Amino acid sequence: NQLALFLQTFEIIPFQLLVAIKNLFEHR
């Protein structure tokens, strides 16, 4: 199911984005 795959990817991306943003603020 492509929708299930999309939702699964959508769960992973925000977490990695959150980690990247957290790293940016820590390096400031």
N, C-alpha and C. Protein backbone atom coordinates (compact mmCIF):
# COMPACT_ATOMS: atom_id res chain seq x y z
N ASN A 1 0.85 -1.20 0.00
CA ASN A 1 0.00 0.00 0.00
C ASN A 1 0.89 1.25 0.00
N GLN A 2 0.71 2.10 -0.96
CA GLN A 2 1.56 3.29 -1.09
C GLN A 2 1.25 4.32 0.01
N LEU A 3 -0.02 4.38 0.41
CA LEU A 3 -0.41 5.33 1.46
C LEU A 3 0.24 4.95 2.78
N ALA A 4 0.26 3.66 3.09
CA ALA A 4 0.90 3.18 4.32
C ALA A 4 2.40 3.48 4.31
N LEU A 5 3.01 3.31 3.15
CA LEU A 5 4.44 3.59 3.00
C LEU A 5 4.71 5.09 3.20
N PHE A 6 3.83 5.93 2.66
CA PHE A 6 3.95 7.37 2.80
C PHE A 6 3.82 7.79 4.27
N LEU A 7 2.84 7.20 4.96
CA LEU A 7 2.63 7.54 6.37
C LEU A 7 3.80 7.08 7.22
N GLN A 8 4.39 5.93 6.86
CA GLN A 8 5.54 5.41 7.58
C GLN A 8 6.75 6.33 7.40
N THR A 9 6.93 6.82 6.17
CA THR A 9 8.03 7.75 5.89
C THR A 9 7.79 9.08 6.60
N PHE A 10 6.54 9.50 6.66
CA PHE A 10 6.17 10.77 7.28
C PHE A 10 6.41 10.74 8.79
N GLU A 11 6.39 9.53 9.39
CA GLU A 11 6.66 9.40 10.81
C GLU A 11 8.15 9.54 11.08
N ILE A 12 8.98 9.07 10.15
CA ILE A 12 10.43 9.07 10.34
C ILE A 12 11.04 10.44 10.08
N ILE A 13 10.60 11.12 9.04
CA ILE A 13 11.20 12.41 8.64
C ILE A 13 11.11 13.50 9.72
N PRO A 14 9.95 13.74 10.35
CA PRO A 14 9.90 14.78 11.38
C PRO A 14 10.88 14.54 12.52
N PHE A 15 11.12 13.29 12.87
CA PHE A 15 12.07 12.98 13.94
C PHE A 15 13.48 13.39 13.55
N GLN A 16 13.88 13.06 12.32
CA GLN A 16 15.21 13.43 11.85
C GLN A 16 15.33 14.94 11.70
N LEU A 17 14.24 15.58 11.29
CA LEU A 17 14.21 17.03 11.15
C LEU A 17 14.36 17.69 12.52
N LEU A 18 13.68 17.12 13.51
CA LEU A 18 13.76 17.63 14.87
C LEU A 18 15.19 17.52 15.41
N VAL A 19 15.85 16.41 15.14
CA VAL A 19 17.24 16.21 15.56
C VAL A 19 18.16 17.21 14.88
N ALA A 20 17.94 17.45 13.59
CA ALA A 20 18.76 18.40 12.83
C ALA A 20 18.59 19.82 13.38
N ILE A 21 17.36 20.21 13.67
CA ILE A 21 17.09 21.54 14.23
C ILE A 21 17.71 21.67 15.61
N LYS A 22 17.59 20.61 16.41
CA LYS A 22 18.19 20.61 17.75
C LYS A 22 19.71 20.79 17.66
N ASN A 23 20.33 20.12 16.73
CA ASN A 23 21.78 20.24 16.53
C ASN A 23 22.17 21.65 16.10
N LEU A 24 21.36 22.26 15.24
CA LEU A 24 21.64 23.63 14.79
C LEU A 24 21.61 24.61 15.96
N PHE A 25 20.63 24.45 16.85
CA PHE A 25 20.53 25.36 17.99
C PHE A 25 21.64 25.12 19.01
N GLU A 26 22.09 23.87 19.13
CA GLU A 26 23.16 23.57 20.08
C GLU A 26 24.51 24.10 19.62
N HIS A 27 24.71 24.15 18.30
CA HIS A 27 26.00 24.61 17.77
C HIS A 27 26.11 26.13 17.72
N ARG A 28 25.02 26.82 18.01
CA ARG A 28 25.01 28.27 17.96
C ARG A 28 25.85 28.87 19.07
